[in-house]
Amino acid sequence: SFPALDDVSLTVESGELLALLGPS
């Protein structure tokens, strides 16, 4: 019943260093 991801959309550009940041 736990929604780990809820309709997530994003783009990582070529050669980019992207951080996913958030609480536990």
PDBML (XML) file of the C-alpha atoms, coordinates in Angstrom:
<?xml version="1.0" encoding="UTF-8" ?>
<PDBx:datablock datablockName="MODEL"
   xmlns:PDBx="http://pdbml.pdb.org/schema/pdbx-v50.xsd"
   xmlns:xsi="http://www.w3.org/2001/XMLSchema-instance"
   xsi:schemaLocation="http://pdbml.pdb.org/schema/pdbx-v50.xsd pdbx-v50.xsd">
   <PDBx:atom_siteCategory>
      <PDBx:atom_site id="1">
         <PDBx:B_iso_or_equiv>0.00</PDBx:B_iso_or_equiv>
         <PDBx:Cartn_x>0.000</PDBx:Cartn_x>
         <PDBx:Cartn_y>0.000</PDBx:Cartn_y>
         <PDBx:Cartn_z>0.000</PDBx:Cartn_z>
         <PDBx:auth_asym_id>A</PDBx:auth_asym_id>
         <PDBx:auth_atom_id>CA</PDBx:auth_atom_id>
         <PDBx:auth_comp_id>SER</PDBx:auth_comp_id>
         <PDBx:auth_seq_id>1</PDBx:auth_seq_id>
         <PDBx:group_PDB>ATOM</PDBx:group_PDB>
         <PDBx:label_alt_id xsi:nil="true" />
         <PDBx:label_asym_id>A</PDBx:label_asym_id>
         <PDBx:label_atom_id>CA</PDBx:label_atom_id>
         <PDBx:label_comp_id>SER</PDBx:label_comp_id>
         <PDBx:label_entity_id>1</PDBx:label_entity_id>
         <PDBx:label_seq_id>1</PDBx:label_seq_id>
         <PDBx:occupancy>1.00</PDBx:occupancy>
         <PDBx:pdbx_PDB_model_num>1</PDBx:pdbx_PDB_model_num>
         <PDBx:type_symbol>C</PDBx:type_symbol>
      </PDBx:atom_site>
      <PDBx:atom_site id="2">
         <PDBx:B_iso_or_equiv>0.00</PDBx:B_iso_or_equiv>
         <PDBx:Cartn_x>3.077</PDBx:Cartn_x>
         <PDBx:Cartn_y>2.257</PDBx:Cartn_y>
         <PDBx:Cartn_z>0.140</PDBx:Cartn_z>
         <PDBx:auth_asym_id>A</PDBx:auth_asym_id>
         <PDBx:auth_atom_id>CA</PDBx:auth_atom_id>
         <PDBx:auth_comp_id>PHE</PDBx:auth_comp_id>
         <PDBx:auth_seq_id>2</PDBx:auth_seq_id>
         <PDBx:group_PDB>ATOM</PDBx:group_PDB>
         <PDBx:label_alt_id xsi:nil="true" />
         <PDBx:label_asym_id>A</PDBx:label_asym_id>
         <PDBx:label_atom_id>CA</PDBx:label_atom_id>
         <PDBx:label_comp_id>PHE</PDBx:label_comp_id>
         <PDBx:label_entity_id>1</PDBx:label_entity_id>
         <PDBx:label_seq_id>2</PDBx:label_seq_id>
         <PDBx:occupancy>1.00</PDBx:occupancy>
         <PDBx:pdbx_PDB_model_num>1</PDBx:pdbx_PDB_model_num>
         <PDBx:type_symbol>C</PDBx:type_symbol>
      </PDBx:atom_site>
      <PDBx:atom_site id="3">
         <PDBx:B_iso_or_equiv>0.00</PDBx:B_iso_or_equiv>
         <PDBx:Cartn_x>3.469</PDBx:Cartn_x>
         <PDBx:Cartn_y>4.603</PDBx:Cartn_y>
         <PDBx:Cartn_z>-2.877</PDBx:Cartn_z>
         <PDBx:auth_asym_id>A</PDBx:auth_asym_id>
         <PDBx:auth_atom_id>CA</PDBx:auth_atom_id>
         <PDBx:auth_comp_id>PRO</PDBx:auth_comp_id>
         <PDBx:auth_seq_id>3</PDBx:auth_seq_id>
         <PDBx:group_PDB>ATOM</PDBx:group_PDB>
         <PDBx:label_alt_id xsi:nil="true" />
         <PDBx:label_asym_id>A</PDBx:label_asym_id>
         <PDBx:label_atom_id>CA</PDBx:label_atom_id>
         <PDBx:label_comp_id>PRO</PDBx:label_comp_id>
         <PDBx:label_entity_id>1</PDBx:label_entity_id>
         <PDBx:label_seq_id>3</PDBx:label_seq_id>
         <PDBx:occupancy>1.00</PDBx:occupancy>
         <PDBx:pdbx_PDB_model_num>1</PDBx:pdbx_PDB_model_num>
         <PDBx:type_symbol>C</PDBx:type_symbol>
      </PDBx:atom_site>
      <PDBx:atom_site id="4">
         <PDBx:B_iso_or_equiv>0.00</PDBx:B_iso_or_equiv>
         <PDBx:Cartn_x>7.240</PDBx:Cartn_x>
         <PDBx:Cartn_y>4.695</PDBx:Cartn_y>
         <PDBx:Cartn_z>-3.376</PDBx:Cartn_z>
         <PDBx:auth_asym_id>A</PDBx:auth_asym_id>
         <PDBx:auth_atom_id>CA</PDBx:auth_atom_id>
         <PDBx:auth_comp_id>ALA</PDBx:auth_comp_id>
         <PDBx:auth_seq_id>4</PDBx:auth_seq_id>
         <PDBx:group_PDB>ATOM</PDBx:group_PDB>
         <PDBx:label_alt_id xsi:nil="true" />
         <PDBx:label_asym_id>A</PDBx:label_asym_id>
         <PDBx:label_atom_id>CA</PDBx:label_atom_id>
         <PDBx:label_comp_id>ALA</PDBx:label_comp_id>
         <PDBx:label_entity_id>1</PDBx:label_entity_id>
         <PDBx:label_seq_id>4</PDBx:label_seq_id>
         <PDBx:occupancy>1.00</PDBx:occupancy>
         <PDBx:pdbx_PDB_model_num>1</PDBx:pdbx_PDB_model_num>
         <PDBx:type_symbol>C</PDBx:type_symbol>
      </PDBx:atom_site>
      <PDBx:atom_site id="5">
         <PDBx:B_iso_or_equiv>0.00</PDBx:B_iso_or_equiv>
         <PDBx:Cartn_x>6.900</PDBx:Cartn_x>
         <PDBx:Cartn_y>6.707</PDBx:Cartn_y>
         <PDBx:Cartn_z>-6.612</PDBx:Cartn_z>
         <PDBx:auth_asym_id>A</PDBx:auth_asym_id>
         <PDBx:auth_atom_id>CA</PDBx:auth_atom_id>
         <PDBx:auth_comp_id>LEU</PDBx:auth_comp_id>
         <PDBx:auth_seq_id>5</PDBx:auth_seq_id>
         <PDBx:group_PDB>ATOM</PDBx:group_PDB>
         <PDBx:label_alt_id xsi:nil="true" />
         <PDBx:label_asym_id>A</PDBx:label_asym_id>
         <PDBx:label_atom_id>CA</PDBx:label_atom_id>
         <PDBx:label_comp_id>LEU</PDBx:label_comp_id>
         <PDBx:label_entity_id>1</PDBx:label_entity_id>
         <PDBx:label_seq_id>5</PDBx:label_seq_id>
         <PDBx:occupancy>1.00</PDBx:occupancy>
         <PDBx:pdbx_PDB_model_num>1</PDBx:pdbx_PDB_model_num>
         <PDBx:type_symbol>C</PDBx:type_symbol>
      </PDBx:atom_site>
      <PDBx:atom_site id="6">
         <PDBx:B_iso_or_equiv>0.00</PDBx:B_iso_or_equiv>
         <PDBx:Cartn_x>3.818</PDBx:Cartn_x>
         <PDBx:Cartn_y>8.658</PDBx:Cartn_y>
         <PDBx:Cartn_z>-7.639</PDBx:Cartn_z>
         <PDBx:auth_asym_id>A</PDBx:auth_asym_id>
         <PDBx:auth_atom_id>CA</PDBx:auth_atom_id>
         <PDBx:auth_comp_id>ASP</PDBx:auth_comp_id>
         <PDBx:auth_seq_id>6</PDBx:auth_seq_id>
         <PDBx:group_PDB>ATOM</PDBx:group_PDB>
         <PDBx:label_alt_id xsi:nil="true" />
         <PDBx:label_asym_id>A</PDBx:label_asym_id>
         <PDBx:label_atom_id>CA</PDBx:label_atom_id>
         <PDBx:label_comp_id>ASP</PDBx:label_comp_id>
         <PDBx:label_entity_id>1</PDBx:label_entity_id>
         <PDBx:label_seq_id>6</PDBx:label_seq_id>
         <PDBx:occupancy>1.00</PDBx:occupancy>
         <PDBx:pdbx_PDB_model_num>1</PDBx:pdbx_PDB_model_num>
         <PDBx:type_symbol>C</PDBx:type_symbol>
      </PDBx:atom_site>
      <PDBx:atom_site id="7">
         <PDBx:B_iso_or_equiv>0.00</PDBx:B_iso_or_equiv>
         <PDBx:Cartn_x>3.753</PDBx:Cartn_x>
         <PDBx:Cartn_y>9.780</PDBx:Cartn_y>
         <PDBx:Cartn_z>-11.299</PDBx:Cartn_z>
         <PDBx:auth_asym_id>A</PDBx:auth_asym_id>
         <PDBx:auth_atom_id>CA</PDBx:auth_atom_id>
         <PDBx:auth_comp_id>ASP</PDBx:auth_comp_id>
         <PDBx:auth_seq_id>7</PDBx:auth_seq_id>
         <PDBx:group_PDB>ATOM</PDBx:group_PDB>
         <PDBx:label_alt_id xsi:nil="true" />
         <PDBx:label_asym_id>A</PDBx:label_asym_id>
         <PDBx:label_atom_id>CA</PDBx:label_atom_id>
         <PDBx:label_comp_id>ASP</PDBx:label_comp_id>
         <PDBx:label_entity_id>1</PDBx:label_entity_id>
         <PDBx:label_seq_id>7</PDBx:label_seq_id>
         <PDBx:occupancy>1.00</PDBx:occupancy>
         <PDBx:pdbx_PDB_model_num>1</PDBx:pdbx_PDB_model_num>
         <PDBx:type_symbol>C</PDBx:type_symbol>
      </PDBx:atom_site>
      <PDBx:atom_site id="8">
         <PDBx:B_iso_or_equiv>0.00</PDBx:B_iso_or_equiv>
         <PDBx:Cartn_x>7.390</PDBx:Cartn_x>
         <PDBx:Cartn_y>10.921</PDBx:Cartn_y>
         <PDBx:Cartn_z>-11.438</PDBx:Cartn_z>
         <PDBx:auth_asym_id>A</PDBx:auth_asym_id>
         <PDBx:auth_atom_id>CA</PDBx:auth_atom_id>
         <PDBx:auth_comp_id>VAL</PDBx:auth_comp_id>
         <PDBx:auth_seq_id>8</PDBx:auth_seq_id>
         <PDBx:group_PDB>ATOM</PDBx:group_PDB>
         <PDBx:label_alt_id xsi:nil="true" />
         <PDBx:label_asym_id>A</PDBx:label_asym_id>
         <PDBx:label_atom_id>CA</PDBx:label_atom_id>
         <PDBx:label_comp_id>VAL</PDBx:label_comp_id>
         <PDBx:label_entity_id>1</PDBx:label_entity_id>
         <PDBx:label_seq_id>8</PDBx:label_seq_id>
         <PDBx:occupancy>1.00</PDBx:occupancy>
         <PDBx:pdbx_PDB_model_num>1</PDBx:pdbx_PDB_model_num>
         <PDBx:type_symbol>C</PDBx:type_symbol>
      </PDBx:atom_site>
      <PDBx:atom_site id="9">
         <PDBx:B_iso_or_equiv>0.00</PDBx:B_iso_or_equiv>
         <PDBx:Cartn_x>8.692</PDBx:Cartn_x>
         <PDBx:Cartn_y>12.561</PDBx:Cartn_y>
         <PDBx:Cartn_z>-14.613</PDBx:Cartn_z>
         <PDBx:auth_asym_id>A</PDBx:auth_asym_id>
         <PDBx:auth_atom_id>CA</PDBx:auth_atom_id>
         <PDBx:auth_comp_id>SER</PDBx:auth_comp_id>
         <PDBx:auth_seq_id>9</PDBx:auth_seq_id>
         <PDBx:group_PDB>ATOM</PDBx:group_PDB>
         <PDBx:label_alt_id xsi:nil="true" />
         <PDBx:label_asym_id>A</PDBx:label_asym_id>
         <PDBx:label_atom_id>CA</PDBx:label_atom_id>
         <PDBx:label_comp_id>SER</PDBx:label_comp_id>
         <PDBx:label_entity_id>1</PDBx:label_entity_id>
         <PDBx:label_seq_id>9</PDBx:label_seq_id>
         <PDBx:occupancy>1.00</PDBx:occupancy>
         <PDBx:pdbx_PDB_model_num>1</PDBx:pdbx_PDB_model_num>
         <PDBx:type_symbol>C</PDBx:type_symbol>
      </PDBx:atom_site>
      <PDBx:atom_site id="10">
         <PDBx:B_iso_or_equiv>0.00</PDBx:B_iso_or_equiv>
         <PDBx:Cartn_x>12.092</PDBx:Cartn_x>
         <PDBx:Cartn_y>14.162</PDBx:Cartn_y>
         <PDBx:Cartn_z>-15.237</PDBx:Cartn_z>
         <PDBx:auth_asym_id>A</PDBx:auth_asym_id>
         <PDBx:auth_atom_id>CA</PDBx:auth_atom_id>
         <PDBx:auth_comp_id>LEU</PDBx:auth_comp_id>
         <PDBx:auth_seq_id>10</PDBx:auth_seq_id>
         <PDBx:group_PDB>ATOM</PDBx:group_PDB>
         <PDBx:label_alt_id xsi:nil="true" />
         <PDBx:label_asym_id>A</PDBx:label_asym_id>
         <PDBx:label_atom_id>CA</PDBx:label_atom_id>
         <PDBx:label_comp_id>LEU</PDBx:label_comp_id>
         <PDBx:label_entity_id>1</PDBx:label_entity_id>
         <PDBx:label_seq_id>10</PDBx:label_seq_id>
         <PDBx:occupancy>1.00</PDBx:occupancy>
         <PDBx:pdbx_PDB_model_num>1</PDBx:pdbx_PDB_model_num>
         <PDBx:type_symbol>C</PDBx:type_symbol>
      </PDBx:atom_site>
      <PDBx:atom_site id="11">
         <PDBx:B_iso_or_equiv>0.00</PDBx:B_iso_or_equiv>
         <PDBx:Cartn_x>14.936</PDBx:Cartn_x>
         <PDBx:Cartn_y>14.385</PDBx:Cartn_y>
         <PDBx:Cartn_z>-17.736</PDBx:Cartn_z>
         <PDBx:auth_asym_id>A</PDBx:auth_asym_id>
         <PDBx:auth_atom_id>CA</PDBx:auth_atom_id>
         <PDBx:auth_comp_id>THR</PDBx:auth_comp_id>
         <PDBx:auth_seq_id>11</PDBx:auth_seq_id>
         <PDBx:group_PDB>ATOM</PDBx:group_PDB>
         <PDBx:label_alt_id xsi:nil="true" />
         <PDBx:label_asym_id>A</PDBx:label_asym_id>
         <PDBx:label_atom_id>CA</PDBx:label_atom_id>
         <PDBx:label_comp_id>THR</PDBx:label_comp_id>
         <PDBx:label_entity_id>1</PDBx:label_entity_id>
         <PDBx:label_seq_id>11</PDBx:label_seq_id>
         <PDBx:occupancy>1.00</PDBx:occupancy>
         <PDBx:pdbx_PDB_model_num>1</PDBx:pdbx_PDB_model_num>
         <PDBx:type_symbol>C</PDBx:type_symbol>
      </PDBx:atom_site>
      <PDBx:atom_site id="12">
         <PDBx:B_iso_or_equiv>0.00</PDBx:B_iso_or_equiv>
         <PDBx:Cartn_x>18.671</PDBx:Cartn_x>
         <PDBx:Cartn_y>13.845</PDBx:Cartn_y>
         <PDBx:Cartn_z>-17.263</PDBx:Cartn_z>
         <PDBx:auth_asym_id>A</PDBx:auth_asym_id>
         <PDBx:auth_atom_id>CA</PDBx:auth_atom_id>
         <PDBx:auth_comp_id>VAL</PDBx:auth_comp_id>
         <PDBx:auth_seq_id>12</PDBx:auth_seq_id>
         <PDBx:group_PDB>ATOM</PDBx:group_PDB>
         <PDBx:label_alt_id xsi:nil="true" />
         <PDBx:label_asym_id>A</PDBx:label_asym_id>
         <PDBx:label_atom_id>CA</PDBx:label_atom_id>
         <PDBx:label_comp_id>VAL</PDBx:label_comp_id>
         <PDBx:label_entity_id>1</PDBx:label_entity_id>
         <PDBx:label_seq_id>12</PDBx:label_seq_id>
         <PDBx:occupancy>1.00</PDBx:occupancy>
         <PDBx:pdbx_PDB_model_num>1</PDBx:pdbx_PDB_model_num>
         <PDBx:type_symbol>C</PDBx:type_symbol>
      </PDBx:atom_site>
      <PDBx:atom_site id="13">
         <PDBx:B_iso_or_equiv>0.00</PDBx:B_iso_or_equiv>
         <PDBx:Cartn_x>20.613</PDBx:Cartn_x>
         <PDBx:Cartn_y>15.598</PDBx:Cartn_y>
         <PDBx:Cartn_z>-19.990</PDBx:Cartn_z>
         <PDBx:auth_asym_id>A</PDBx:auth_asym_id>
         <PDBx:auth_atom_id>CA</PDBx:auth_atom_id>
         <PDBx:auth_comp_id>GLU</PDBx:auth_comp_id>
         <PDBx:auth_seq_id>13</PDBx:auth_seq_id>
         <PDBx:group_PDB>ATOM</PDBx:group_PDB>
         <PDBx:label_alt_id xsi:nil="true" />
         <PDBx:label_asym_id>A</PDBx:label_asym_id>
         <PDBx:label_atom_id>CA</PDBx:label_atom_id>
         <PDBx:label_comp_id>GLU</PDBx:label_comp_id>
         <PDBx:label_entity_id>1</PDBx:label_entity_id>
         <PDBx:label_seq_id>13</PDBx:label_seq_id>
         <PDBx:occupancy>1.00</PDBx:occupancy>
         <PDBx:pdbx_PDB_model_num>1</PDBx:pdbx_PDB_model_num>
         <PDBx:type_symbol>C</PDBx:type_symbol>
      </PDBx:atom_site>
      <PDBx:atom_site id="14">
         <PDBx:B_iso_or_equiv>0.00</PDBx:B_iso_or_equiv>
         <PDBx:Cartn_x>23.555</PDBx:Cartn_x>
         <PDBx:Cartn_y>13.898</PDBx:Cartn_y>
         <PDBx:Cartn_z>-21.701</PDBx:Cartn_z>
         <PDBx:auth_asym_id>A</PDBx:auth_asym_id>
         <PDBx:auth_atom_id>CA</PDBx:auth_atom_id>
         <PDBx:auth_comp_id>SER</PDBx:auth_comp_id>
         <PDBx:auth_seq_id>14</PDBx:auth_seq_id>
         <PDBx:group_PDB>ATOM</PDBx:group_PDB>
         <PDBx:label_alt_id xsi:nil="true" />
         <PDBx:label_asym_id>A</PDBx:label_asym_id>
         <PDBx:label_atom_id>CA</PDBx:label_atom_id>
         <PDBx:label_comp_id>SER</PDBx:label_comp_id>
         <PDBx:label_entity_id>1</PDBx:label_entity_id>
         <PDBx:label_seq_id>14</PDBx:label_seq_id>
         <PDBx:occupancy>1.00</PDBx:occupancy>
         <PDBx:pdbx_PDB_model_num>1</PDBx:pdbx_PDB_model_num>
         <PDBx:type_symbol>C</PDBx:type_symbol>
      </PDBx:atom_site>
      <PDBx:atom_site id="15">
         <PDBx:B_iso_or_equiv>0.00</PDBx:B_iso_or_equiv>
         <PDBx:Cartn_x>26.764</PDBx:Cartn_x>
         <PDBx:Cartn_y>14.361</PDBx:Cartn_y>
         <PDBx:Cartn_z>-19.690</PDBx:Cartn_z>
         <PDBx:auth_asym_id>A</PDBx:auth_asym_id>
         <PDBx:auth_atom_id>CA</PDBx:auth_atom_id>
         <PDBx:auth_comp_id>GLY</PDBx:auth_comp_id>
         <PDBx:auth_seq_id>15</PDBx:auth_seq_id>
         <PDBx:group_PDB>ATOM</PDBx:group_PDB>
         <PDBx:label_alt_id xsi:nil="true" />
         <PDBx:label_asym_id>A</PDBx:label_asym_id>
         <PDBx:label_atom_id>CA</PDBx:label_atom_id>
         <PDBx:label_comp_id>GLY</PDBx:label_comp_id>
         <PDBx:label_entity_id>1</PDBx:label_entity_id>
         <PDBx:label_seq_id>15</PDBx:label_seq_id>
         <PDBx:occupancy>1.00</PDBx:occupancy>
         <PDBx:pdbx_PDB_model_num>1</PDBx:pdbx_PDB_model_num>
         <PDBx:type_symbol>C</PDBx:type_symbol>
      </PDBx:atom_site>
      <PDBx:atom_site id="16">
         <PDBx:B_iso_or_equiv>0.00</PDBx:B_iso_or_equiv>
         <PDBx:Cartn_x>24.906</PDBx:Cartn_x>
         <PDBx:Cartn_y>15.837</PDBx:Cartn_y>
         <PDBx:Cartn_z>-16.715</PDBx:Cartn_z>
         <PDBx:auth_asym_id>A</PDBx:auth_asym_id>
         <PDBx:auth_atom_id>CA</PDBx:auth_atom_id>
         <PDBx:auth_comp_id>GLU</PDBx:auth_comp_id>
         <PDBx:auth_seq_id>16</PDBx:auth_seq_id>
         <PDBx:group_PDB>ATOM</PDBx:group_PDB>
         <PDBx:label_alt_id xsi:nil="true" />
         <PDBx:label_asym_id>A</PDBx:label_asym_id>
         <PDBx:label_atom_id>CA</PDBx:label_atom_id>
         <PDBx:label_comp_id>GLU</PDBx:label_comp_id>
         <PDBx:label_entity_id>1</PDBx:label_entity_id>
         <PDBx:label_seq_id>16</PDBx:label_seq_id>
         <PDBx:occupancy>1.00</PDBx:occupancy>
         <PDBx:pdbx_PDB_model_num>1</PDBx:pdbx_PDB_model_num>
         <PDBx:type_symbol>C</PDBx:type_symbol>
      </PDBx:atom_site>
      <PDBx:atom_site id="17">
         <PDBx:B_iso_or_equiv>0.00</PDBx:B_iso_or_equiv>
         <PDBx:Cartn_x>25.549</PDBx:Cartn_x>
         <PDBx:Cartn_y>15.077</PDBx:Cartn_y>
         <PDBx:Cartn_z>-13.039</PDBx:Cartn_z>
         <PDBx:auth_asym_id>A</PDBx:auth_asym_id>
         <PDBx:auth_atom_id>CA</PDBx:auth_atom_id>
         <PDBx:auth_comp_id>LEU</PDBx:auth_comp_id>
         <PDBx:auth_seq_id>17</PDBx:auth_seq_id>
         <PDBx:group_PDB>ATOM</PDBx:group_PDB>
         <PDBx:label_alt_id xsi:nil="true" />
         <PDBx:label_asym_id>A</PDBx:label_asym_id>
         <PDBx:label_atom_id>CA</PDBx:label_atom_id>
         <PDBx:label_comp_id>LEU</PDBx:label_comp_id>
         <PDBx:label_entity_id>1</PDBx:label_entity_id>
         <PDBx:label_seq_id>17</PDBx:label_seq_id>
         <PDBx:occupancy>1.00</PDBx:occupancy>
         <PDBx:pdbx_PDB_model_num>1</PDBx:pdbx_PDB_model_num>
         <PDBx:type_symbol>C</PDBx:type_symbol>
      </PDBx:atom_site>
      <PDBx:atom_site id="18">
         <PDBx:B_iso_or_equiv>0.00</PDBx:B_iso_or_equiv>
         <PDBx:Cartn_x>22.094</PDBx:Cartn_x>
         <PDBx:Cartn_y>14.998</PDBx:Cartn_y>
         <PDBx:Cartn_z>-11.433</PDBx:Cartn_z>
         <PDBx:auth_asym_id>A</PDBx:auth_asym_id>
         <PDBx:auth_atom_id>CA</PDBx:auth_atom_id>
         <PDBx:auth_comp_id>LEU</PDBx:auth_comp_id>
         <PDBx:auth_seq_id>18</PDBx:auth_seq_id>
         <PDBx:group_PDB>ATOM</PDBx:group_PDB>
         <PDBx:label_alt_id xsi:nil="true" />
         <PDBx:label_asym_id>A</PDBx:label_asym_id>
         <PDBx:label_atom_id>CA</PDBx:label_atom_id>
         <PDBx:label_comp_id>LEU</PDBx:label_comp_id>
         <PDBx:label_entity_id>1</PDBx:label_entity_id>
         <PDBx:label_seq_id>18</PDBx:label_seq_id>
         <PDBx:occupancy>1.00</PDBx:occupancy>
         <PDBx:pdbx_PDB_model_num>1</PDBx:pdbx_PDB_model_num>
         <PDBx:type_symbol>C</PDBx:type_symbol>
      </PDBx:atom_site>
      <PDBx:atom_site id="19">
         <PDBx:B_iso_or_equiv>0.00</PDBx:B_iso_or_equiv>
         <PDBx:Cartn_x>21.380</PDBx:Cartn_x>
         <PDBx:Cartn_y>14.621</PDBx:Cartn_y>
         <PDBx:Cartn_z>-7.710</PDBx:Cartn_z>
         <PDBx:auth_asym_id>A</PDBx:auth_asym_id>
         <PDBx:auth_atom_id>CA</PDBx:auth_atom_id>
         <PDBx:auth_comp_id>ALA</PDBx:auth_comp_id>
         <PDBx:auth_seq_id>19</PDBx:auth_seq_id>
         <PDBx:group_PDB>ATOM</PDBx:group_PDB>
         <PDBx:label_alt_id xsi:nil="true" />
         <PDBx:label_asym_id>A</PDBx:label_asym_id>
         <PDBx:label_atom_id>CA</PDBx:label_atom_id>
         <PDBx:label_comp_id>ALA</PDBx:label_comp_id>
         <PDBx:label_entity_id>1</PDBx:label_entity_id>
         <PDBx:label_seq_id>19</PDBx:label_seq_id>
         <PDBx:occupancy>1.00</PDBx:occupancy>
         <PDBx:pdbx_PDB_model_num>1</PDBx:pdbx_PDB_model_num>
         <PDBx:type_symbol>C</PDBx:type_symbol>
      </PDBx:atom_site>
      <PDBx:atom_site id="20">
         <PDBx:B_iso_or_equiv>0.00</PDBx:B_iso_or_equiv>
         <PDBx:Cartn_x>18.249</PDBx:Cartn_x>
         <PDBx:Cartn_y>12.960</PDBx:Cartn_y>
         <PDBx:Cartn_z>-6.326</PDBx:Cartn_z>
         <PDBx:auth_asym_id>A</PDBx:auth_asym_id>
         <PDBx:auth_atom_id>CA</PDBx:auth_atom_id>
         <PDBx:auth_comp_id>LEU</PDBx:auth_comp_id>
         <PDBx:auth_seq_id>20</PDBx:auth_seq_id>
         <PDBx:group_PDB>ATOM</PDBx:group_PDB>
         <PDBx:label_alt_id xsi:nil="true" />
         <PDBx:label_asym_id>A</PDBx:label_asym_id>
         <PDBx:label_atom_id>CA</PDBx:label_atom_id>
         <PDBx:label_comp_id>LEU</PDBx:label_comp_id>
         <PDBx:label_entity_id>1</PDBx:label_entity_id>
         <PDBx:label_seq_id>20</PDBx:label_seq_id>
         <PDBx:occupancy>1.00</PDBx:occupancy>
         <PDBx:pdbx_PDB_model_num>1</PDBx:pdbx_PDB_model_num>
         <PDBx:type_symbol>C</PDBx:type_symbol>
      </PDBx:atom_site>
      <PDBx:atom_site id="21">
         <PDBx:B_iso_or_equiv>0.00</PDBx:B_iso_or_equiv>
         <PDBx:Cartn_x>17.803</PDBx:Cartn_x>
         <PDBx:Cartn_y>14.634</PDBx:Cartn_y>
         <PDBx:Cartn_z>-2.947</PDBx:Cartn_z>
         <PDBx:auth_asym_id>A</PDBx:auth_asym_id>
         <PDBx:auth_atom_id>CA</PDBx:auth_atom_id>
         <PDBx:auth_comp_id>LEU</PDBx:auth_comp_id>
         <PDBx:auth_seq_id>21</PDBx:auth_seq_id>
         <PDBx:group_PDB>ATOM</PDBx:group_PDB>
         <PDBx:label_alt_id xsi:nil="true" />
         <PDBx:label_asym_id>A</PDBx:label_asym_id>
         <PDBx:label_atom_id>CA</PDBx:label_atom_id>
         <PDBx:label_comp_id>LEU</PDBx:label_comp_id>
         <PDBx:label_entity_id>1</PDBx:label_entity_id>
         <PDBx:label_seq_id>21</PDBx:label_seq_id>
         <PDBx:occupancy>1.00</PDBx:occupancy>
         <PDBx:pdbx_PDB_model_num>1</PDBx:pdbx_PDB_model_num>
         <PDBx:type_symbol>C</PDBx:type_symbol>
      </PDBx:atom_site>
      <PDBx:atom_site id="22">
         <PDBx:B_iso_or_equiv>0.00</PDBx:B_iso_or_equiv>
         <PDBx:Cartn_x>15.230</PDBx:Cartn_x>
         <PDBx:Cartn_y>14.048</PDBx:Cartn_y>
         <PDBx:Cartn_z>-0.232</PDBx:Cartn_z>
         <PDBx:auth_asym_id>A</PDBx:auth_asym_id>
         <PDBx:auth_atom_id>CA</PDBx:auth_atom_id>
         <PDBx:auth_comp_id>GLY</PDBx:auth_comp_id>
         <PDBx:auth_seq_id>22</PDBx:auth_seq_id>
         <PDBx:group_PDB>ATOM</PDBx:group_PDB>
         <PDBx:label_alt_id xsi:nil="true" />
         <PDBx:label_asym_id>A</PDBx:label_asym_id>
         <PDBx:label_atom_id>CA</PDBx:label_atom_id>
         <PDBx:label_comp_id>GLY</PDBx:label_comp_id>
         <PDBx:label_entity_id>1</PDBx:label_entity_id>
         <PDBx:label_seq_id>22</PDBx:label_seq_id>
         <PDBx:occupancy>1.00</PDBx:occupancy>
         <PDBx:pdbx_PDB_model_num>1</PDBx:pdbx_PDB_model_num>
         <PDBx:type_symbol>C</PDBx:type_symbol>
      </PDBx:atom_site>
      <PDBx:atom_site id="23">
         <PDBx:B_iso_or_equiv>0.00</PDBx:B_iso_or_equiv>
         <PDBx:Cartn_x>14.511</PDBx:Cartn_x>
         <PDBx:Cartn_y>12.509</PDBx:Cartn_y>
         <PDBx:Cartn_z>3.168</PDBx:Cartn_z>
         <PDBx:auth_asym_id>A</PDBx:auth_asym_id>
         <PDBx:auth_atom_id>CA</PDBx:auth_atom_id>
         <PDBx:auth_comp_id>PRO</PDBx:auth_comp_id>
         <PDBx:auth_seq_id>23</PDBx:auth_seq_id>
         <PDBx:group_PDB>ATOM</PDBx:group_PDB>
         <PDBx:label_alt_id xsi:nil="true" />
         <PDBx:label_asym_id>A</PDBx:label_asym_id>
         <PDBx:label_atom_id>CA</PDBx:label_atom_id>
         <PDBx:label_comp_id>PRO</PDBx:label_comp_id>
         <PDBx:label_entity_id>1</PDBx:label_entity_id>
         <PDBx:label_seq_id>23</PDBx:label_seq_id>
         <PDBx:occupancy>1.00</PDBx:occupancy>
         <PDBx:pdbx_PDB_model_num>1</PDBx:pdbx_PDB_model_num>
         <PDBx:type_symbol>C</PDBx:type_symbol>
      </PDBx:atom_site>
      <PDBx:atom_site id="24">
         <PDBx:B_iso_or_equiv>0.00</PDBx:B_iso_or_equiv>
         <PDBx:Cartn_x>14.426</PDBx:Cartn_x>
         <PDBx:Cartn_y>8.771</PDBx:Cartn_y>
         <PDBx:Cartn_z>3.845</PDBx:Cartn_z>
         <PDBx:auth_asym_id>A</PDBx:auth_asym_id>
         <PDBx:auth_atom_id>CA</PDBx:auth_atom_id>
         <PDBx:auth_comp_id>SER</PDBx:auth_comp_id>
         <PDBx:auth_seq_id>24</PDBx:auth_seq_id>
         <PDBx:group_PDB>ATOM</PDBx:group_PDB>
         <PDBx:label_alt_id xsi:nil="true" />
         <PDBx:label_asym_id>A</PDBx:label_asym_id>
         <PDBx:label_atom_id>CA</PDBx:label_atom_id>
         <PDBx:label_comp_id>SER</PDBx:label_comp_id>
         <PDBx:label_entity_id>1</PDBx:label_entity_id>
         <PDBx:label_seq_id>24</PDBx:label_seq_id>
         <PDBx:occupancy>1.00</PDBx:occupancy>
         <PDBx:pdbx_PDB_model_num>1</PDBx:pdbx_PDB_model_num>
         <PDBx:type_symbol>C</PDBx:type_symbol>
      </PDBx:atom_site>
   </PDBx:atom_siteCategory>
</PDBx:datablock>
